[in-house]
Amino acid sequence: MPMTTLEHDHSIDAIRERLAAPLKPSYLKDWIYGGIDGTVTTFAVVAGVIGAELGTKVILILGLANLLADGFSMAASNYTGSRAEQDDYERIKEIERSHIRDVPEGEREELRQILAGKGLQGDTLEEAVEIISSDQDCWIDIMLVEEYGLSKIPGSPFKAALSTFASFFLCGAIPLLSFLLGLSNAFEVSIVLTGIVFFAIGSLKSSWSLKAWWYSGLETLLIGSIAASVAYFAGVFLKQYV
């Protein structure tokens, strides 16, 4: 039977070292969200302007304005939303702290029922309740996860916003490259480059999912292509009336 390649070592020392290391929040969602949105919106500008048969100068002005303005708007929105989540996390944490102080038996009963729902019973259950409730920080962490469904490691609002803006700007600039370079077939090159970016983002995303890299890449490419097509035909349609 072939050996399975494991993601990390399971020796006693390796496990101890890994569990002792501080948990780090992931900003993958922010990178993917910013990258896809940046590519879609910038190429939508390109496709819409081409569909309306306007000039390259219009593409560059609107495209660069989109990179800066929409990118900053997304980053600011992400920062505000992440900050609200972080504030709510701290608020609920203080609620649990006050409940443990004011109604400790009620909180122990909540903990008891949570652990019982995981299969503990009898003396083992009571011993677990006693051990966990003797460490207030551990107790609060468990209640935040089990009672409220909150993550134990809320991320940094600033890093989330920075990840979104950086990904939006870098990926969103790709559809404009051929126009910045003044290529004669700039739109065709932009289509190819944009497709590559969509596929690359999807393929990268597959590293954190169970889908095959090519399936995830094609899925993201399809979504981006639909968005770009809508923008192009909207430009063609509106050209007749504006």
Protein backbone atom coordinates (compact mmCIF):
# COMPACT_ATOMS: atom_id res chain seq x y z
CA MET A 1 0.00 0.00 0.00
CA PRO A 2 1.56 3.35 -1.02
CA MET A 3 2.55 5.80 1.71
CA THR A 4 0.51 9.02 1.92
CA THR A 5 2.46 12.27 1.91
CA LEU A 6 1.52 14.07 5.13
CA GLU A 7 1.31 17.84 5.52
CA HIS A 8 3.39 17.81 8.72
CA ASP A 9 5.41 15.53 10.99
CA HIS A 10 3.54 13.65 13.74
CA SER A 11 6.45 12.86 16.02
CA ILE A 12 6.04 13.85 19.69
CA ASP A 13 8.54 16.74 19.45
CA ALA A 14 7.09 18.01 16.16
CA ILE A 15 3.55 17.97 17.56
CA ARG A 16 4.66 19.80 20.71
CA GLU A 17 6.48 22.45 18.68
CA ARG A 18 3.60 22.93 16.23
CA LEU A 19 0.94 23.28 18.93
CA ALA A 20 3.12 25.67 20.93
CA ALA A 21 3.51 28.03 17.96
CA PRO A 22 1.07 30.98 17.87
CA LEU A 23 -1.84 30.61 15.47
CA LYS A 24 -1.75 32.93 12.47
CA PRO A 25 -4.84 34.30 10.72
CA SER A 26 -5.18 33.68 7.00
CA TYR A 27 -5.64 36.52 4.50
CA LEU A 28 -6.21 34.16 1.57
CA LYS A 29 -9.83 35.29 1.18
CA ASP A 30 -8.73 38.93 1.00
CA TRP A 31 -6.10 38.17 -1.67
CA ILE A 32 -8.46 36.13 -3.83
CA TYR A 33 -11.35 38.55 -3.41
CA GLY A 34 -9.16 41.53 -4.31
CA GLY A 35 -7.46 39.74 -7.20
CA ILE A 36 -10.64 38.54 -8.87
CA ASP A 37 -12.48 41.81 -8.37
CA GLY A 38 -9.53 43.87 -9.58
CA THR A 39 -9.18 41.79 -12.73
CA VAL A 40 -12.91 41.70 -13.43
CA THR A 41 -13.59 45.41 -12.90
CA THR A 42 -10.54 46.61 -14.83
CA PHE A 43 -11.15 44.29 -17.76
CA ALA A 44 -14.83 45.29 -17.61
CA VAL A 45 -13.67 48.87 -18.19
CA VAL A 46 -11.50 47.73 -21.10
CA ALA A 47 -14.24 45.58 -22.64
CA GLY A 48 -16.91 48.24 -22.15
CA VAL A 49 -14.81 50.97 -23.75
CA ILE A 50 -13.84 48.71 -26.66
CA GLY A 51 -17.47 47.71 -27.10
CA ALA A 52 -18.45 51.37 -27.22
CA GLU A 53 -15.60 52.02 -29.72
CA LEU A 54 -13.93 54.69 -27.62
CA GLY A 55 -10.21 55.44 -27.66
CA THR A 56 -7.21 53.96 -25.88
CA LYS A 57 -6.83 57.13 -23.82
CA VAL A 58 -10.28 56.54 -22.33
CA ILE A 59 -9.30 52.96 -21.45
CA LEU A 60 -6.17 54.10 -19.64
CA ILE A 61 -7.88 56.95 -17.79
CA LEU A 62 -10.84 54.87 -16.64
CA GLY A 63 -8.72 51.77 -16.02
CA LEU A 64 -6.14 53.53 -13.85
CA ALA A 65 -8.85 55.46 -12.04
CA ASN A 66 -10.58 52.16 -11.33
CA LEU A 67 -7.37 50.61 -9.98
CA LEU A 68 -6.84 53.42 -7.51
CA ALA A 69 -10.37 54.46 -6.57
CA ASP A 70 -12.12 51.09 -6.57
CA GLY A 71 -9.08 49.39 -5.06
CA PHE A 72 -8.98 51.87 -2.20
CA SER A 73 -12.75 51.64 -1.75
CA MET A 74 -12.57 47.86 -1.46
CA ALA A 75 -9.66 48.07 0.97
CA ALA A 76 -11.47 50.65 3.09
CA SER A 77 -14.64 48.56 3.11
CA ASN A 78 -12.68 45.44 4.07
CA TYR A 79 -10.90 47.35 6.84
CA THR A 80 -14.18 48.67 8.22
CA GLY A 81 -15.85 45.26 8.07
CA SER A 82 -12.86 43.48 9.64
CA ARG A 83 -12.63 46.15 12.32
CA ALA A 84 -16.32 45.66 13.15
CA GLU A 85 -15.75 41.89 13.45
CA GLN A 86 -12.78 42.47 15.73
CA ASP A 87 -14.74 44.92 17.92
CA ASP A 88 -17.61 42.44 18.13
CA TYR A 89 -15.15 39.69 19.12
CA GLU A 90 -13.81 41.82 21.98
CA ARG A 91 -17.36 42.80 23.03
CA ILE A 92 -18.52 39.18 23.26
CA LYS A 93 -15.30 38.24 25.04
CA GLU A 94 -16.05 40.82 27.75
CA ILE A 95 -19.65 39.56 27.96
CA GLU A 96 -18.38 36.05 28.68
CA ARG A 97 -15.88 37.39 31.21
CA SER A 98 -18.65 39.24 33.09
CA HIS A 99 -20.94 36.19 32.98
CA ILE A 100 -18.21 34.01 34.47
CA ARG A 101 -17.76 36.59 37.20
CA ASP A 102 -21.46 37.18 37.94
CA VAL A 103 -23.10 33.79 37.21
CA PRO A 104 -20.29 31.21 37.32
CA GLU A 105 -22.61 28.25 37.92
CA GLY A 106 -24.70 29.16 34.90
CA GLU A 107 -21.58 29.37 32.75
CA ARG A 108 -20.35 26.04 34.11
CA GLU A 109 -23.66 24.49 33.12
CA GLU A 110 -23.25 25.90 29.58
CA LEU A 111 -19.76 24.40 29.47
CA ARG A 112 -21.07 21.10 30.84
CA GLN A 113 -23.73 20.85 28.13
CA ILE A 114 -21.24 21.76 25.40
CA LEU A 115 -18.87 19.00 26.52
CA ALA A 116 -21.74 16.54 26.96
CA GLY A 117 -22.72 17.25 23.37
CA LYS A 118 -19.24 16.09 22.36
CA GLY A 119 -19.72 12.73 24.07
CA LEU A 120 -18.27 13.29 27.55
CA GLN A 121 -20.33 11.94 30.47
CA GLY A 122 -20.21 10.94 34.11
CA ASP A 123 -17.07 11.59 36.13
CA THR A 124 -15.07 12.33 32.99
CA LEU A 125 -17.48 15.13 32.09
CA GLU A 126 -17.38 16.67 35.58
CA GLU A 127 -13.60 16.46 35.71
CA ALA A 128 -13.31 18.18 32.33
CA VAL A 129 -15.67 20.96 33.45
CA GLU A 130 -13.63 21.46 36.61
CA ILE A 131 -10.30 21.58 34.79
CA ILE A 132 -11.43 23.97 32.03
CA SER A 133 -13.32 26.31 34.37
CA SER A 134 -10.22 26.62 36.54
CA ASP A 135 -8.49 28.52 33.69
CA GLN A 136 -10.59 31.56 32.80
CA ASP A 137 -8.82 32.36 29.52
CA CYS A 138 -9.19 28.78 28.29
CA TRP A 139 -12.81 28.77 29.44
CA ILE A 140 -13.60 31.99 27.54
CA ASP A 141 -11.85 30.75 24.39
CA ILE A 142 -13.96 27.60 24.37
CA MET A 143 -17.19 29.55 24.90
CA LEU A 144 -16.36 31.98 22.09
CA VAL A 145 -15.86 29.11 19.66
CA GLU A 146 -18.59 26.73 20.84
CA GLU A 147 -21.32 29.14 21.94
CA TYR A 148 -20.85 31.96 19.43
CA GLY A 149 -19.03 30.25 16.57
CA LEU A 150 -16.25 32.85 16.55
CA SER A 151 -12.71 32.26 15.31
CA LYS A 152 -10.03 32.05 17.95
CA ILE A 153 -7.66 34.13 15.82
CA PRO A 154 -9.36 37.27 14.43
CA GLY A 155 -7.17 38.83 11.77
CA SER A 156 -5.72 42.33 11.55
CA PRO A 157 -8.09 44.78 9.79
CA PHE A 158 -5.08 46.66 8.40
CA LYS A 159 -3.46 43.53 6.94
CA ALA A 160 -6.81 42.43 5.49
CA ALA A 161 -7.24 45.82 3.80
CA LEU A 162 -3.65 45.88 2.56
CA SER A 163 -3.98 42.36 1.14
CA THR A 164 -7.15 43.34 -0.72
CA PHE A 165 -5.66 46.53 -2.18
CA ALA A 166 -2.35 44.94 -3.19
CA SER A 167 -4.05 42.00 -4.90
CA PHE A 168 -6.65 44.26 -6.55
CA PHE A 169 -3.97 46.60 -7.93
CA LEU A 170 -1.50 43.92 -9.09
CA CYS A 171 -4.05 41.67 -10.79
CA GLY A 172 -6.17 44.56 -12.02
CA ALA A 173 -3.20 46.16 -13.78
CA ILE A 174 -2.72 43.13 -16.06
CA PRO A 175 -5.60 43.95 -18.48
CA LEU A 176 -4.10 47.42 -19.00
CA LEU A 177 -0.53 46.33 -19.79
CA SER A 178 -1.00 45.89 -23.54
CA PHE A 179 -2.59 49.34 -23.80
CA LEU A 180 0.17 50.95 -21.73
CA LEU A 181 2.72 49.36 -24.10
CA GLY A 182 0.79 50.66 -27.12
CA LEU A 183 0.46 47.27 -28.84
CA SER A 184 -1.48 47.22 -32.10
CA ASN A 185 -3.53 44.20 -31.00
CA ALA A 186 -3.86 45.44 -27.43
CA PHE A 187 -7.41 44.20 -26.83
CA GLU A 188 -6.66 40.65 -27.99
CA VAL A 189 -3.53 40.54 -25.80
CA SER A 190 -5.54 41.94 -22.88
CA ILE A 191 -8.09 39.14 -23.28
CA VAL A 192 -5.38 36.48 -23.18
CA LEU A 193 -3.57 38.03 -20.20
CA THR A 194 -6.80 38.49 -18.29
CA GLY A 195 -7.75 34.85 -18.93
CA ILE A 196 -4.34 33.75 -17.66
CA VAL A 197 -4.80 35.81 -14.48
CA PHE A 198 -8.26 34.34 -13.86
CA PHE A 199 -6.96 30.81 -14.38
CA ALA A 200 -3.90 31.46 -12.19
CA ILE A 201 -6.01 32.81 -9.32
CA GLY A 202 -8.31 29.80 -9.53
CA SER A 203 -5.39 27.37 -9.69
CA LEU A 204 -3.79 29.03 -6.65
CA LYS A 205 -7.09 28.84 -4.79
CA SER A 206 -7.13 25.06 -5.29
CA SER A 207 -4.19 24.76 -2.87
CA TRP A 208 -6.70 25.44 -0.09
CA SER A 209 -9.51 23.23 -1.39
CA LEU A 210 -10.15 19.65 -2.46
CA LYS A 211 -10.79 20.59 -6.11
CA ALA A 212 -8.24 19.83 -8.82
CA TRP A 213 -6.11 22.86 -9.78
CA TRP A 214 -7.35 22.82 -13.36
CA TYR A 215 -11.00 22.61 -12.30
CA SER A 216 -10.66 25.53 -9.90
CA GLY A 217 -8.77 27.49 -12.56
CA LEU A 218 -11.43 26.87 -15.22
CA GLU A 219 -14.20 27.71 -12.76
CA THR A 220 -12.66 31.12 -11.98
CA LEU A 221 -11.92 31.69 -15.68
CA LEU A 222 -15.58 31.02 -16.52
CA ILE A 223 -16.83 33.45 -13.85
CA GLY A 224 -14.46 36.16 -15.04
CA SER A 225 -15.32 35.57 -18.69
CA ILE A 226 -19.03 35.98 -18.00
CA ALA A 227 -18.43 39.25 -16.16
CA ALA A 228 -16.21 40.55 -18.98
CA SER A 229 -18.76 39.54 -21.63
CA VAL A 230 -21.52 41.40 -19.81
CA ALA A 231 -19.36 44.55 -19.75
CA TYR A 232 -18.44 44.26 -23.43
CA PHE A 233 -22.00 43.79 -24.68
CA ALA A 234 -23.21 46.53 -22.35
CA GLY A 235 -20.75 48.86 -24.10
CA VAL A 236 -21.95 47.73 -27.53
CA PHE A 237 -25.59 48.23 -26.53
CA LEU A 238 -25.15 51.61 -24.86
CA LYS A 239 -23.12 52.97 -27.76
CA GLN A 240 -26.33 53.05 -29.79
CA TYR A 241 -28.16 55.23 -27.26
CA VAL A 242 -25.51 57.44 -25.66
